């Protein structure tokens, strides 16, 4: 895992088209702004895991796992 330090209004760039910016820092919470192409899904981890569980229950788990590894 790469660990980077950033201050408010500083960014991290992933690839050519994903920008993550520190929008605000309050106590022990950091607010991030994420700019990414519309074809790239961006979710909080707990939401992503819930989507995966739901897709597996619906019988599309294999397709969802394949799509996740292709990102």
C-alpha atoms as a PDB file:
ATOM      1  CA  UNK A   1       0.000   0.000   0.000  1.00  0.00           C
ATOM      2  CA  UNK A   2       1.289   3.432  -0.911  1.00  0.00           C
ATOM      3  CA  UNK A   3       0.816   5.965   1.913  1.00  0.00           C
ATOM      4  CA  UNK A   4       0.931   9.661   1.046  1.00  0.00           C
ATOM      5  CA  UNK A   5       0.565  12.787   3.159  1.00  0.00           C
ATOM      6  CA  UNK A   6      -1.570  15.596   1.793  1.00  0.00           C
ATOM      7  CA  UNK A   7      -2.901  18.842   3.190  1.00  0.00           C
ATOM      8  CA  UNK A   8      -6.220  20.526   2.501  1.00  0.00           C
ATOM      9  CA  UNK A   9      -6.672  21.398  -1.202  1.00  0.00           C
ATOM     10  CA  UNK A  10      -3.782  19.131  -2.263  1.00  0.00           C
ATOM     11  CA  UNK A  11      -4.386  16.302  -4.730  1.00  0.00           C
ATOM     12  CA  UNK A  12      -3.232  12.857  -5.750  1.00  0.00           C
ATOM     13  CA  UNK A  13      -3.434  11.801  -9.408  1.00  0.00           C
ATOM     14  CA  UNK A  14      -4.016   8.181 -10.388  1.00  0.00           C
ATOM     15  CA  UNK A  15      -3.256   7.330 -14.001  1.00  0.00           C
ATOM     16  CA  UNK A  16      -4.147  10.055 -16.457  1.00  0.00           C
ATOM     17  CA  UNK A  17      -7.716  10.747 -15.428  1.00  0.00           C
ATOM     18  CA  UNK A  18      -8.422  10.225 -11.713  1.00  0.00           C
ATOM     19  CA  UNK A  19      -7.818  13.067  -9.267  1.00  0.00           C
ATOM     20  CA  UNK A  20      -8.368  12.747  -5.519  1.00  0.00           C
ATOM     21  CA  UNK A  21      -8.346  16.037  -3.602  1.00  0.00           C
ATOM     22  CA  UNK A  22      -8.405  16.613   0.156  1.00  0.00           C
ATOM     23  CA  UNK A  23     -11.414  18.909   0.492  1.00  0.00           C
ATOM     24  CA  UNK A  24     -11.604  19.267   4.271  1.00  0.00           C
ATOM     25  CA  UNK A  25     -10.103  17.914   7.479  1.00  0.00           C
ATOM     26  CA  UNK A  26     -12.164  17.999  10.680  1.00  0.00           C
ATOM     27  CA  UNK A  27     -10.816  16.203  13.715  1.00  0.00           C
ATOM     28  CA  UNK A  28     -10.256  12.582  12.743  1.00  0.00           C
ATOM     29  CA  UNK A  29     -12.240  12.794   9.485  1.00  0.00           C
ATOM     30  CA  UNK A  30     -10.998  13.709   6.032  1.00  0.00           C
ATOM     31  CA  UNK A  31     -13.326  14.696   3.186  1.00  0.00           C
ATOM     32  CA  UNK A  32     -12.106  13.709  -0.261  1.00  0.00           C
ATOM     33  CA  UNK A  33     -13.242  14.926  -3.645  1.00  0.00           C
ATOM     34  CA  UNK A  34     -12.851  12.398  -6.453  1.00  0.00           C
ATOM     35  CA  UNK A  35     -12.849  13.250 -10.153  1.00  0.00           C
ATOM     36  CA  UNK A  36     -13.030  10.197 -12.396  1.00  0.00           C
ATOM     37  CA  UNK A  37     -14.489   9.320 -15.790  1.00  0.00           C
ATOM     38  CA  UNK A  38     -18.141   8.293 -15.643  1.00  0.00           C
ATOM     39  CA  UNK A  39     -17.292   4.751 -16.761  1.00  0.00           C
ATOM     40  CA  UNK A  40     -15.306   4.212 -13.536  1.00  0.00           C
ATOM     41  CA  UNK A  41     -17.432   3.399 -10.494  1.00  0.00           C
ATOM     42  CA  UNK A  42     -16.410   5.040  -7.248  1.00  0.00           C
ATOM     43  CA  UNK A  43     -17.890   3.688  -4.002  1.00  0.00           C
ATOM     44  CA  UNK A  44     -17.107   3.674  -0.314  1.00  0.00           C
ATOM     45  CA  UNK A  45     -15.798   0.209   0.610  1.00  0.00           C
ATOM     46  CA  UNK A  46     -18.896  -0.774   2.609  1.00  0.00           C
ATOM     47  CA  UNK A  47     -21.170   0.197  -0.290  1.00  0.00           C
ATOM     48  CA  UNK A  48     -19.027  -1.732  -2.783  1.00  0.00           C
ATOM     49  CA  UNK A  49     -19.142  -4.836  -0.575  1.00  0.00           C
ATOM     50  CA  UNK A  50     -22.929  -4.549  -0.219  1.00  0.00           C
ATOM     51  CA  UNK A  51     -23.276  -4.321  -4.016  1.00  0.00           C
ATOM     52  CA  UNK A  52     -21.081  -7.415  -4.416  1.00  0.00           C
ATOM     53  CA  UNK A  53     -23.153  -9.378  -1.878  1.00  0.00           C
ATOM     54  CA  UNK A  54     -26.390  -8.364  -3.595  1.00  0.00           C
ATOM     55  CA  UNK A  55     -25.071  -9.355  -7.014  1.00  0.00           C
ATOM     56  CA  UNK A  56     -23.991 -12.739  -5.652  1.00  0.00           C
ATOM     57  CA  UNK A  57     -27.465 -13.275  -4.179  1.00  0.00           C
ATOM     58  CA  UNK A  58     -28.970 -12.366  -7.540  1.00  0.00           C
ATOM     59  CA  UNK A  59     -26.775 -14.968  -9.258  1.00  0.00           C
ATOM     60  CA  UNK A  60     -24.492 -12.525 -11.070  1.00  0.00           C
ATOM     61  CA  UNK A  61     -21.550 -12.830  -8.689  1.00  0.00           C
ATOM     62  CA  UNK A  62     -19.220 -14.286 -11.295  1.00  0.00           C
ATOM     63  CA  UNK A  63     -19.831 -11.388 -13.697  1.00  0.00           C
ATOM     64  CA  UNK A  64     -19.395  -8.813 -10.911  1.00  0.00           C
ATOM     65  CA  UNK A  65     -16.090 -10.333  -9.790  1.00  0.00           C
ATOM     66  CA  UNK A  66     -14.796 -10.368 -13.369  1.00  0.00           C
ATOM     67  CA  UNK A  67     -15.702  -6.692 -13.818  1.00  0.00           C
ATOM     68  CA  UNK A  68     -14.012  -5.756 -10.538  1.00  0.00           C
ATOM     69  CA  UNK A  69     -10.727  -7.386 -11.531  1.00  0.00           C
ATOM     70  CA  UNK A  70     -10.707  -5.677 -14.915  1.00  0.00           C
ATOM     71  CA  UNK A  71     -10.661  -2.178 -13.333  1.00  0.00           C
END
